[in-house]
Every structure is written in C-alpha cells, then in structure tokens.
Amino acid sequence: MRRLLPLLLAAVLSGCDPTPTFTEAEPGEHLSGGATTVLRTDQNAFSLPSANLSPLRRLDFSVGNSFFRNPWVIAPASTDARDGLGPLFNTNACQNCHIKDGRGHPPGPDAVHAVSMLVRLSVPAGGNDEERLLRQGVIPEPVYGGQLQDTAIPGVAPEGRVRIDYTPVPVTFADGTVVELRKPTLRITDTGYGDLHPDTLFSARIAPPVIGLGLLEAISDDDLLANADPDDRDGDGISGRPNRVWDRASETTALGRFGWKAGQPNLNQQNAEAFANDMGLTSSLVPGDGCTPAQTDCLAAPHGGEPEVSDNILATVLFYSRNLGVPARRNVDAPEVLKGKTLFHRAGCQQCHTPSFTTRADAAEPELASQTIWPYTDLLLHDMGDGLADGRPEFLATGREWRTPPLWGIGLTEAVNGHTFFLHDGRARNLLEAILWHGGEAENARQAVLQFTAEERDALLAFLNSL
C-alpha cells in the first residue's frame, strides 16, 4: 500500500496542504532493492547479482547469465545446448535487446534490423474468439502472427522491416519555454509473406530494463490490488486497474505484472514467451515453432529438438532474471533532489508511481523475501491518453492503457546504455519529454509540471536522475 497515506490523511484532517515537503531522506530509501541493492553505478550497474546472494548462489547466477548473454545458433550445431535459433526471430541473444540488462532503443533511420525494439501485431476480435482471447489476450495477425520478426535463418524470408518516422510536436511551459517532442509513425516495409491484414493493429515496444524483476514478482497480489481503483471511487482521476492474464502453467487466469501492458503473470512465462517470440526457441511452457500455415519455408526448416530451451536452461535464466540487483540511489540528501521529490508528489506522480512496497515473506527466492523496496510503480494499468495510445488491446488492457513502469535505476540509463530514450516506443529523448507525453489519468500531473519554473524542472529531473 502507499506508504504516505497515513501522513496525507493526517494532513487533510488537520486542514493543511496534504502534499508532504521532504527535507531529509526517508529511512532506507537509498537502498532501492532493500538488502539486495548493489552499490555500483557505472556501465555495469544493471548486470550484478543481488547483494545478499551467497557465493554458491552467485555461481548459479553466472550460469543463467551465460544463457542470457551468449548467442543461440542455427540447428543443427555442435553447440546443441544453444541451437534451434529461428527460423524467424528478432535477435539471437537476450542481451541484444536488454543491452547490459538495461533499456533498448528505437532503430535509427539507416538500421537494417530493429533489434531492441519489436512490433506486436494483432487483429480485432470476432464474435467467436472468446477462448483465444482468454488464453492469448489478442488475436494474432493470420499470416504474420503476434510479433513481426525482421530476421530469419538462410532459406527463410524475414517477415518485414521496421521503419520509424517522426513529426515534431511543440509544447510550451508557462514561462514560455518551448520543448519539441517527436511523434513516431510506424511503417512496415519489405513484407515477406504478402500484405498484412487490412485491420492489423500495431504496437512498437522497446526492451525495458530487467533489474529487480524478482522483487516485483515478490510483491503480493493483495498489496498491488490495494492500490487499484478501477471506478475512481475516490474521485482523484486515477483509475489504476489490474490486468488479468493467462497463466500457462496453472491453466488459469492470474494477475498480470510484467510487460508494457502487464500481459505476463510471472517471470518464468515472461522468459519463455521471449525465447519463443524474440528468438524462435521452443520450451515445454511455450511449444511450437512460431511459423504460421502460410510460412511454408519456416515450417520446413530444421529445429533444435523439442524443446529447444530445456527446463533446466529455463530455470537457470529464471534464477538470473530474478536476482539481477537494483543499484542504490545517489544524492538522496541533496537539497535539489529533496526539492524535486517534493515537486514529484505535488504534481501527483506518486499516485501511479507508488514509491515503496514490502515483498512477501514467502518469496520464490529467500534473498527476495521481506524486503522494503522502492520501485516507483504500482504495476497497474492506466489510461495514458490519446498521445501514447497504441490502439491495441491486450487481455483486459485497452489500446490507451499501459502498466506503470518502474522508475528505479532510470537515472543510470545513459551510464549503462549510452542513451536516454524513454517510453514504450523510445519516442522521448530525455526524461522531460517523457513527462510531457503523459496524458489521460496523468494529464493533471502533466499540467502541474507545465507550470513549474526552470529551477523547479531542474529539481524534478535531479530527483528522477537520483533513482
């Protein structure tokens, strides 16, 4: 639950301004991941194991890291533990999208492959699609499937090429300062299997950072649902609501918490789906080669056995992804950072970017249990307005809704990844642009920021860069 609720309630009852003013750091907030927090803040800050892992458990982490980092190859190969790539795929290693375990970026104008940005595909549901929607969340495009794969093994045609064009969108602050945003337009060219369905829905998405995922998985459902207010009963304009998605292992619906629209219920399924969709690799959880009936060359291509990703490999990658540590915050006591934190709350950003949770005592890994963490997310869906809408539903998420992304580590993006492209499609070139794209439920927060002076904007960014 929101940690500041008692403080805010007391302020309201006393007739005071309910927005807190922060003059010192809160206890423990510099340790974003609790006892798991890592202390390095350089280019490797996102690639380290949880600080409380034992030396023996760090060996398991290293094994998982090798399967996450090293490329998979085309079958048949002497490296039979890593063969079976494709036939259609986006990349040959997890690390190519989650660069240094961090954030992907949109393709440049001359890029041959999108690599760390993918494009999801679907078509509108028909009257007899209830069962498919329950289990898949979408109706895949009939020829190209649920994700465009722009790379293929020899003898198989890639599905197409991804191109992004931008249109300038000026935004003016109250003090007259003008910031030029860029609005992306997606184009799919060189389609390998004929025209796409005329009603195809597209969603471009860059790879998010993979730090702290085990801690997010360890937040109880009850604590996440406590922040949900789908009918906006409190009248604050914030209607966070949970996604309900299909859990393949249990064969039932579950609370969604991973992916840009919270379309995956847990890390193991998130990883297995990524192996299948991004690299064309089968697992016992996600079988099948990903080829549609129209892709005959794909269907006839060699594979690496069934499954290509063994249960053991999937388990080692799960352990790795659960135990990637979150870096510590910097400058939490700096006056400008504290001022920026106050402004963050004054604008109402914390209503979706919930600062803190305590993980379950029965977390999947003991190192992740009972940790006070500071992820700045509620993992719920929010309507973000027309500007960010992709128009593509996913399970219960509408075409205007996105899961609140965690903010921890965001200030180290440039140090780790060498860029500052943010939001689901990387359209924002810095944090200020990302804020200005907020709309819908976040429109009031956006309007508040537009009233900030240059000094206040700098303080807000100093706070965000400290996370």
Protein backbone atom coordinates (compact mmCIF):
# COMPACT_ATOMS: atom_id res chain seq x y z
CA MET A 1 0.00 0.00 0.00
CA ARG A 2 1.05 3.59 -0.47
CA ARG A 3 3.43 4.40 2.38
CA LEU A 4 2.43 8.06 2.52
CA LEU A 5 -1.30 7.54 3.04
CA PRO A 6 -1.23 7.96 6.86
CA LEU A 7 0.78 11.16 6.52
CA LEU A 8 -1.54 12.56 3.84
CA LEU A 9 -4.69 11.64 5.79
CA ALA A 10 -3.41 13.37 8.90
CA ALA A 11 -2.62 16.48 6.86
CA VAL A 12 -6.08 16.57 5.30
CA LEU A 13 -7.82 16.15 8.68
CA SER A 14 -5.78 19.00 10.12
CA GLY A 15 -6.69 21.29 7.21
CA CYS A 16 -3.10 21.52 5.93
CA ASP A 17 -1.78 21.12 2.39
CA PRO A 18 -1.67 17.30 2.01
CA THR A 19 1.47 17.43 -0.14
CA PRO A 20 4.48 16.49 2.02
CA THR A 21 7.62 18.60 1.96
CA PHE A 22 10.74 16.47 2.09
CA THR A 23 13.66 18.00 3.98
CA GLU A 24 15.57 14.78 4.55
CA ALA A 25 15.73 11.31 3.06
CA GLU A 26 13.32 8.67 4.30
CA PRO A 27 14.89 5.76 6.20
CA GLY A 28 16.31 3.17 3.82
CA GLU A 29 15.18 4.82 0.60
CA HIS A 30 18.73 4.89 -0.80
CA LEU A 31 18.58 1.07 -0.85
CA SER A 32 16.11 0.74 -3.73
CA GLY A 33 16.14 -3.06 -3.54
CA GLY A 34 16.49 -3.41 0.22
CA ALA A 35 19.25 -5.87 1.17
CA THR A 36 19.54 -6.92 -2.49
CA THR A 37 20.75 -3.44 -3.53
CA VAL A 38 24.05 -3.22 -5.42
CA LEU A 39 26.37 -0.25 -4.98
CA ARG A 40 27.99 0.13 -8.39
CA THR A 41 26.70 2.98 -10.53
CA ASP A 42 28.82 2.57 -13.68
CA GLN A 43 28.06 0.93 -17.04
CA ASN A 44 27.71 -2.46 -15.32
CA ALA A 45 25.26 -1.24 -12.68
CA PHE A 46 22.37 -3.31 -14.05
CA SER A 47 24.30 -6.57 -14.52
CA LEU A 48 25.16 -7.53 -10.95
CA PRO A 49 23.62 -10.18 -8.70
CA SER A 50 21.57 -9.28 -5.65
CA ALA A 51 23.99 -8.12 -2.98
CA ASN A 52 22.77 -10.70 -0.47
CA LEU A 53 23.35 -13.74 -2.71
CA SER A 54 25.83 -16.22 -1.22
CA PRO A 55 28.99 -17.14 -3.18
CA LEU A 56 27.46 -20.51 -4.12
CA ARG A 57 24.27 -18.88 -5.35
CA ARG A 58 26.35 -16.42 -7.36
CA LEU A 59 27.65 -19.39 -9.36
CA ASP A 60 24.05 -20.25 -10.29
CA PHE A 61 23.57 -16.60 -11.27
CA SER A 62 26.61 -16.78 -13.55
CA VAL A 63 25.27 -19.88 -15.31
CA GLY A 64 21.99 -18.13 -16.01
CA ASN A 65 23.88 -15.07 -17.18
CA SER A 66 25.71 -17.15 -19.79
CA PHE A 67 22.43 -18.29 -21.36
CA PHE A 68 21.06 -14.75 -21.21
CA ARG A 69 24.16 -13.16 -22.73
CA ASN A 70 25.58 -15.62 -25.27
CA PRO A 71 24.05 -16.05 -28.74
CA TRP A 72 21.94 -19.01 -29.82
CA VAL A 73 22.80 -20.64 -33.15
CA ILE A 74 21.03 -22.27 -36.06
CA ALA A 75 20.34 -26.01 -35.81
CA PRO A 76 21.90 -28.45 -36.27
CA ALA A 77 25.09 -27.40 -34.50
CA SER A 78 27.77 -28.89 -32.30
CA THR A 79 26.60 -26.48 -29.61
CA ASP A 80 23.42 -28.46 -29.15
CA ALA A 81 22.55 -26.78 -25.84
CA ARG A 82 22.17 -23.48 -27.70
CA ASP A 83 20.91 -24.45 -31.13
CA GLY A 84 17.49 -24.06 -32.70
CA LEU A 85 17.52 -20.30 -33.40
CA GLY A 86 14.61 -19.24 -35.60
CA PRO A 87 13.57 -19.93 -38.27
CA LEU A 88 12.09 -16.44 -37.75
CA PHE A 89 13.44 -14.24 -34.99
CA ASN A 90 14.29 -10.72 -33.87
CA THR A 91 17.66 -11.37 -32.27
CA ASN A 92 19.93 -14.26 -31.26
CA ALA A 93 20.55 -13.34 -27.59
CA CYS A 94 18.53 -11.81 -24.76
CA GLN A 95 21.32 -9.31 -24.11
CA ASN A 96 20.98 -7.84 -27.60
CA CYS A 97 17.58 -6.39 -26.69
CA HIS A 98 18.15 -5.79 -22.97
CA ILE A 99 21.52 -4.15 -23.57
CA LYS A 100 23.72 -4.61 -20.50
CA ASP A 101 20.47 -5.75 -18.83
CA GLY A 102 19.11 -2.29 -19.46
CA ARG A 103 16.90 -0.41 -21.86
CA GLY A 104 16.54 -0.88 -25.61
CA HIS A 105 16.17 1.93 -28.14
CA PRO A 106 14.27 2.62 -31.35
CA PRO A 107 16.03 1.90 -34.66
CA GLY A 108 17.89 4.70 -36.38
CA PRO A 109 16.98 5.81 -39.92
CA ASP A 110 19.56 3.52 -41.53
CA ALA A 111 19.11 0.46 -39.29
CA VAL A 112 18.71 -2.87 -41.09
CA HIS A 113 17.13 -4.57 -38.05
CA ALA A 114 15.16 -3.02 -35.20
CA VAL A 115 16.93 -5.38 -32.70
CA SER A 116 16.00 -3.88 -29.32
CA MET A 117 12.57 -2.69 -30.45
CA LEU A 118 9.89 -5.13 -31.55
CA VAL A 119 6.45 -4.70 -33.09
CA ARG A 120 3.46 -6.62 -31.75
CA LEU A 121 0.67 -7.49 -34.21
CA SER A 122 -2.97 -8.46 -33.81
CA VAL A 123 -6.35 -8.04 -35.46
CA PRO A 124 -9.69 -7.08 -33.90
CA ALA A 125 -11.52 -9.96 -32.26
CA GLY A 126 -14.58 -11.53 -33.82
CA GLY A 127 -17.68 -12.97 -32.20
CA ASN A 128 -16.23 -16.48 -31.76
CA ASP A 129 -12.85 -15.51 -30.34
CA GLU A 130 -13.61 -15.58 -26.60
CA GLU A 131 -11.50 -18.68 -25.87
CA ARG A 132 -8.50 -17.40 -27.85
CA LEU A 133 -8.72 -14.03 -26.13
CA LEU A 134 -8.85 -15.71 -22.73
CA ARG A 135 -5.63 -17.65 -23.42
CA GLN A 136 -3.73 -15.31 -25.75
CA GLY A 137 -5.03 -11.88 -24.88
CA VAL A 138 -5.08 -10.92 -28.56
CA ILE A 139 -5.99 -12.40 -31.95
CA PRO A 140 -2.70 -12.71 -33.87
CA GLU A 141 -2.42 -11.46 -37.45
CA PRO A 142 -3.30 -14.57 -39.53
CA VAL A 143 -0.12 -14.69 -41.66
CA TYR A 144 2.49 -12.90 -39.54
CA GLY A 145 1.41 -13.98 -36.06
CA GLY A 146 1.59 -11.90 -32.90
CA GLN A 147 5.01 -10.31 -33.45
CA LEU A 148 6.88 -9.15 -36.53
CA GLN A 149 10.22 -10.93 -36.87
CA ASP A 150 12.59 -8.98 -39.10
CA THR A 151 15.36 -11.61 -39.19
CA ALA A 152 15.45 -15.21 -40.39
CA ILE A 153 17.82 -18.12 -40.94
CA PRO A 154 19.13 -18.75 -44.51
CA GLY A 155 16.43 -20.02 -46.84
CA VAL A 156 13.60 -18.35 -44.93
CA ALA A 157 12.31 -14.85 -45.70
CA PRO A 158 12.16 -12.33 -42.86
CA GLU A 159 8.67 -11.06 -42.17
CA GLY A 160 9.47 -7.42 -42.90
CA ARG A 161 11.40 -4.33 -41.94
CA VAL A 162 10.56 -1.77 -39.27
CA ARG A 163 10.82 1.93 -40.05
CA ILE A 164 10.00 4.87 -37.75
CA ASP A 165 9.35 8.42 -38.95
CA TYR A 166 8.91 11.37 -36.60
CA THR A 167 6.80 14.52 -36.64
CA PRO A 168 7.67 17.45 -34.32
CA VAL A 169 5.15 18.37 -31.61
CA PRO A 170 5.94 21.63 -29.74
CA VAL A 171 4.88 22.03 -26.10
CA THR A 172 5.08 25.35 -24.24
CA PHE A 173 5.67 25.80 -20.50
CA ALA A 174 4.00 28.57 -18.52
CA ASP A 175 7.27 30.53 -18.53
CA GLY A 176 7.40 30.46 -22.34
CA THR A 177 9.98 27.71 -22.71
CA VAL A 178 9.22 25.52 -25.72
CA VAL A 179 10.12 21.81 -25.85
CA GLU A 180 9.77 19.98 -29.15
CA LEU A 181 8.51 16.43 -28.75
CA ARG A 182 8.59 13.91 -31.59
CA LYS A 183 5.58 11.84 -32.58
CA PRO A 184 6.50 8.48 -34.15
CA THR A 185 4.84 6.95 -37.19
CA LEU A 186 5.49 3.23 -37.67
CA ARG A 187 5.97 1.74 -41.14
CA ILE A 188 6.41 -1.94 -42.03
CA THR A 189 8.20 -2.41 -45.35
CA ASP A 190 9.50 -5.35 -47.41
CA THR A 191 6.88 -7.77 -46.12
CA GLY A 192 7.99 -11.32 -46.87
CA TYR A 193 4.62 -13.10 -46.97
CA GLY A 194 2.22 -10.76 -48.70
CA ASP A 195 0.12 -7.93 -47.36
CA LEU A 196 -0.74 -7.62 -43.72
CA HIS A 197 -4.40 -7.89 -42.76
CA PRO A 198 -6.03 -4.52 -43.53
CA ASP A 199 -7.20 -4.17 -39.92
CA THR A 200 -3.86 -5.07 -38.32
CA LEU A 201 -3.14 -3.37 -35.00
CA PHE A 202 0.50 -2.47 -34.33
CA SER A 203 2.39 -1.76 -31.11
CA ALA A 204 6.07 -0.79 -31.18
CA ARG A 205 7.88 -1.58 -27.94
CA ILE A 206 11.47 -1.20 -26.82
CA ALA A 207 13.02 -3.69 -24.41
CA PRO A 208 12.73 -2.49 -20.79
CA PRO A 209 15.46 -2.89 -18.14
CA VAL A 210 15.46 -6.27 -16.38
CA ILE A 211 16.72 -5.19 -12.96
CA GLY A 212 14.69 -6.00 -9.85
CA LEU A 213 12.19 -8.26 -11.60
CA GLY A 214 12.32 -10.89 -8.87
CA LEU A 215 11.43 -8.23 -6.31
CA LEU A 216 8.46 -7.08 -8.40
CA GLU A 217 7.33 -10.70 -8.65
CA ALA A 218 7.58 -10.95 -4.86
CA ILE A 219 5.07 -8.16 -4.17
CA SER A 220 1.84 -9.77 -3.01
CA ASP A 221 -1.26 -9.61 -5.18
CA ASP A 222 -3.13 -8.09 -2.24
CA ASP A 223 -0.68 -5.18 -1.97
CA LEU A 224 -0.97 -4.45 -5.68
CA LEU A 225 -4.75 -4.70 -5.67
CA ALA A 226 -4.95 -2.38 -2.66
CA ASN A 227 -3.88 0.46 -4.96
CA ALA A 228 -6.41 -0.40 -7.68
CA ASP A 229 -9.37 1.95 -8.10
CA PRO A 230 -10.94 0.97 -11.43
CA ASP A 231 -14.08 3.06 -10.86
CA ASP A 232 -12.19 6.05 -9.40
CA ARG A 233 -14.27 5.91 -6.24
CA ASP A 234 -12.06 8.46 -4.50
CA GLY A 235 -12.53 10.93 -7.37
CA ASP A 236 -8.83 11.72 -7.82
CA GLY A 237 -8.88 10.96 -11.56
CA ILE A 238 -6.60 7.95 -11.14
CA SER A 239 -8.21 4.62 -12.06
CA GLY A 240 -5.41 2.09 -11.85
CA ARG A 241 -6.70 -1.37 -12.57
CA PRO A 242 -5.14 -4.83 -12.75
CA ASN A 243 -4.73 -6.83 -15.92
CA ARG A 244 -5.89 -10.45 -15.72
CA VAL A 245 -3.90 -12.74 -17.99
CA TRP A 246 -3.47 -16.41 -18.81
CA ASP A 247 -1.02 -18.43 -16.71
CA ARG A 248 0.15 -21.30 -18.91
CA ALA A 249 1.49 -23.42 -16.06
CA SER A 250 -1.62 -23.32 -13.89
CA GLU A 251 -4.08 -23.17 -16.80
CA THR A 252 -5.99 -20.30 -15.24
CA THR A 253 -6.10 -16.51 -15.18
CA ALA A 254 -3.76 -14.59 -12.90
CA LEU A 255 -2.76 -11.03 -12.08
CA GLY A 256 -0.57 -9.59 -14.84
CA ARG A 257 2.54 -7.72 -13.76
CA PHE A 258 5.23 -7.95 -16.49
CA GLY A 259 5.42 -6.38 -19.95
CA TRP A 260 4.38 -2.93 -21.15
CA LYS A 261 0.70 -3.81 -20.69
CA ALA A 262 1.17 -6.23 -17.77
CA GLY A 263 0.47 -9.10 -20.15
CA GLN A 264 2.54 -11.75 -18.33
CA PRO A 265 1.78 -13.18 -14.86
CA ASN A 266 5.26 -14.26 -13.79
CA LEU A 267 8.90 -14.22 -14.79
CA ASN A 268 9.13 -17.81 -15.98
CA GLN A 269 6.36 -17.29 -18.51
CA GLN A 270 7.78 -13.89 -19.48
CA ASN A 271 11.12 -15.55 -20.23
CA ALA A 272 9.61 -18.49 -22.12
CA GLU A 273 7.48 -16.19 -24.26
CA ALA A 274 10.55 -14.06 -25.04
CA PHE A 275 12.53 -17.14 -26.09
CA ALA A 276 9.67 -18.11 -28.40
CA ASN A 277 8.74 -14.73 -29.88
CA ASP A 278 12.13 -13.00 -29.97
CA MET A 279 14.38 -15.92 -30.87
CA GLY A 280 12.09 -18.65 -32.23
CA LEU A 281 13.06 -21.07 -29.46
CA THR A 282 10.59 -23.58 -28.07
CA SER A 283 10.22 -24.64 -24.45
CA SER A 284 7.94 -27.03 -22.60
CA LEU A 285 5.93 -24.00 -21.47
CA VAL A 286 5.69 -22.42 -24.95
CA PRO A 287 5.93 -25.23 -27.55
CA GLY A 288 5.62 -24.79 -31.32
CA ASP A 289 7.92 -23.17 -33.85
CA GLY A 290 6.00 -19.94 -34.29
CA CYS A 291 5.51 -20.44 -38.03
CA THR A 292 2.04 -19.78 -39.40
CA PRO A 293 0.50 -22.09 -42.05
CA ALA A 294 1.32 -19.57 -44.80
CA GLN A 295 5.06 -19.65 -43.95
CA THR A 296 5.94 -22.96 -45.61
CA ASP A 297 9.72 -22.42 -45.69
CA CYS A 298 9.62 -21.66 -41.99
CA LEU A 299 7.66 -24.84 -41.30
CA ALA A 300 10.15 -26.94 -43.28
CA ALA A 301 13.29 -25.52 -41.65
CA PRO A 302 15.39 -27.61 -39.22
CA HIS A 303 14.92 -27.14 -35.49
CA GLY A 304 16.95 -27.86 -32.40
CA GLY A 305 14.77 -30.57 -30.87
CA GLU A 306 11.73 -30.34 -28.65
CA PRO A 307 12.07 -28.36 -26.56
CA GLU A 308 14.98 -26.23 -27.77
CA VAL A 309 15.22 -24.49 -24.41
CA SER A 310 15.36 -27.27 -21.83
CA ASP A 311 13.59 -26.94 -18.48
CA ASN A 312 17.00 -26.73 -16.84
CA ILE A 313 18.12 -23.82 -19.03
CA LEU A 314 14.80 -22.08 -18.49
CA ALA A 315 15.27 -22.49 -14.73
CA THR A 316 18.79 -21.01 -14.81
CA VAL A 317 17.61 -18.00 -16.79
CA LEU A 318 14.73 -17.59 -14.34
CA PHE A 319 17.16 -17.56 -11.42
CA TYR A 320 19.32 -14.99 -13.20
CA SER A 321 16.41 -12.71 -14.06
CA ARG A 322 15.01 -12.93 -10.52
CA ASN A 323 18.29 -11.93 -8.96
CA LEU A 324 19.56 -9.03 -11.06
CA GLY A 325 20.17 -6.41 -8.40
CA VAL A 326 18.88 -2.84 -8.36
CA PRO A 327 21.53 -0.12 -7.96
CA ALA A 328 21.48 2.17 -4.96
CA ARG A 329 20.18 5.70 -5.28
CA ARG A 330 22.56 8.62 -5.37
CA ASN A 331 22.42 12.02 -3.62
CA VAL A 332 19.25 11.23 -1.67
CA ASP A 333 20.04 14.00 0.86
CA ALA A 334 20.94 16.67 -1.71
CA PRO A 335 18.68 19.74 -1.30
CA GLU A 336 17.83 19.86 -5.02
CA VAL A 337 16.90 16.17 -5.02
CA LEU A 338 14.67 16.62 -1.95
CA LYS A 339 13.03 19.61 -3.58
CA GLY A 340 12.45 17.56 -6.72
CA LYS A 341 10.92 14.79 -4.63
CA THR A 342 8.51 17.29 -3.09
CA LEU A 343 7.56 18.53 -6.58
CA PHE A 344 7.09 14.93 -7.77
CA HIS A 345 4.48 14.46 -5.04
CA ARG A 346 2.97 17.90 -5.54
CA ALA A 347 2.31 17.04 -9.19
CA GLY A 348 0.73 13.74 -8.08
CA CYS A 349 3.21 11.47 -9.88
CA GLN A 350 3.33 9.12 -6.87
CA GLN A 351 -0.35 8.23 -7.39
CA CYS A 352 0.75 5.81 -10.12
CA HIS A 353 4.49 5.58 -9.47
CA THR A 354 3.94 4.16 -5.97
CA PRO A 355 7.26 4.66 -4.14
CA SER A 356 7.55 1.62 -1.90
CA PHE A 357 6.38 -1.90 -1.07
CA THR A 358 7.49 -4.73 1.21
CA THR A 359 7.92 -8.06 -0.54
CA ARG A 360 6.24 -11.27 0.62
CA ALA A 361 7.84 -13.38 3.35
CA ASP A 362 7.35 -16.44 1.11
CA ALA A 363 9.06 -15.01 -1.99
CA ALA A 364 10.31 -17.52 -4.57
CA GLU A 365 13.93 -16.87 -3.53
CA PRO A 366 14.85 -16.30 0.14
CA GLU A 367 17.05 -13.31 -0.70
CA LEU A 368 14.00 -11.50 -2.07
CA ALA A 369 11.74 -12.09 0.94
CA SER A 370 10.56 -9.35 3.33
CA GLN A 371 12.50 -6.60 1.60
CA THR A 372 11.43 -2.96 1.72
CA ILE A 373 11.86 -1.83 -1.87
CA TRP A 374 11.43 1.46 -3.75
CA PRO A 375 10.44 0.65 -7.34
CA TYR A 376 8.15 3.65 -8.00
CA THR A 377 5.42 1.65 -9.74
CA ASP A 378 2.03 0.18 -8.90
CA LEU A 379 2.22 -2.40 -11.75
CA LEU A 380 -1.35 -1.44 -12.64
CA LEU A 381 -2.88 -0.29 -15.93
CA HIS A 382 -3.60 3.39 -16.50
CA ASP A 383 -5.21 5.28 -19.36
CA MET A 384 -2.39 7.47 -20.66
CA GLY A 385 -4.42 9.42 -23.21
CA ASP A 386 -4.53 9.66 -26.97
CA GLY A 387 -0.92 10.75 -27.37
CA LEU A 388 0.53 7.48 -26.07
CA ALA A 389 -2.29 5.17 -27.20
CA ASP A 390 -1.32 2.30 -29.48
CA GLY A 391 -4.94 1.27 -30.09
CA ARG A 392 -4.09 -2.39 -29.43
CA PRO A 393 -5.85 -4.18 -26.55
CA GLU A 394 -4.08 -6.97 -24.65
CA PHE A 395 -6.15 -9.13 -22.30
CA LEU A 396 -8.03 -6.52 -20.22
CA ALA A 397 -5.72 -3.64 -21.18
CA THR A 398 -7.28 -1.23 -23.65
CA GLY A 399 -5.49 0.48 -26.51
CA ARG A 400 -4.98 3.54 -24.28
CA GLU A 401 -3.69 1.74 -21.19
CA TRP A 402 -0.15 0.97 -20.11
CA ARG A 403 1.33 -0.56 -16.98
CA THR A 404 3.15 1.96 -14.81
CA PRO A 405 6.85 1.29 -15.50
CA PRO A 406 9.23 1.11 -12.50
CA LEU A 407 11.47 4.16 -12.16
CA TRP A 408 14.26 2.60 -10.12
CA GLY A 409 17.57 2.81 -11.97
CA ILE A 410 16.20 5.28 -14.54
CA GLY A 411 18.85 7.86 -13.73
CA LEU A 412 21.60 5.41 -14.76
CA THR A 413 20.19 4.76 -18.24
CA GLU A 414 22.77 6.90 -20.00
CA ALA A 415 25.66 5.44 -17.98
CA VAL A 416 24.57 1.87 -18.74
CA ASN A 417 23.05 2.16 -22.22
CA GLY A 418 24.58 5.29 -23.67
CA HIS A 419 21.23 6.91 -24.45
CA THR A 420 18.15 8.42 -22.81
CA PHE A 421 15.29 7.13 -24.95
CA PHE A 422 12.19 6.51 -22.81
CA LEU A 423 8.54 5.37 -23.01
CA HIS A 424 7.24 2.19 -24.61
CA ASP A 425 8.49 3.07 -28.10
CA GLY A 426 11.50 5.20 -27.19
CA ARG A 427 9.99 8.38 -28.61
CA ALA A 428 11.10 10.50 -25.63
CA ARG A 429 14.73 11.58 -25.94
CA ASN A 430 15.01 12.53 -22.28
CA LEU A 431 13.00 12.42 -19.06
CA LEU A 432 11.38 15.81 -19.55
CA GLU A 433 9.98 14.71 -22.92
CA ALA A 434 8.71 11.50 -21.30
CA ILE A 435 6.80 13.53 -18.70
CA LEU A 436 5.28 15.80 -21.35
CA TRP A 437 3.87 12.82 -23.26
CA HIS A 438 1.77 11.84 -20.25
CA GLY A 439 -1.97 12.32 -20.68
CA GLY A 440 -5.24 10.68 -19.67
CA GLU A 441 -5.07 9.87 -15.98
CA ALA A 442 -1.71 11.69 -15.83
CA GLU A 443 -2.97 14.88 -17.51
CA ASN A 444 -3.27 16.75 -14.20
CA ALA A 445 0.31 15.82 -13.32
CA ARG A 446 1.47 16.97 -16.77
CA GLN A 447 -0.34 20.30 -16.37
CA ALA A 448 1.27 20.78 -12.96
CA VAL A 449 4.73 20.25 -14.44
CA LEU A 450 3.97 22.71 -17.25
CA GLN A 451 3.55 25.36 -14.52
CA PHE A 452 6.96 24.63 -12.99
CA THR A 453 9.72 27.20 -13.34
CA ALA A 454 13.03 26.27 -14.95
CA GLU A 455 14.53 25.84 -11.47
CA GLU A 456 11.69 23.55 -10.42
CA ARG A 457 12.02 21.49 -13.59
CA ASP A 458 15.72 21.04 -12.89
CA ALA A 459 14.94 19.89 -9.35
CA LEU A 460 12.33 17.39 -10.56
CA LEU A 461 14.84 15.94 -13.04
CA ALA A 462 17.51 15.82 -10.33
CA PHE A 463 15.16 13.70 -8.24
CA LEU A 464 14.34 11.35 -11.13
CA ASN A 465 18.02 11.03 -12.00
CA SER A 466 18.76 10.05 -8.41
CA LEU A 467 16.52 6.97 -8.69
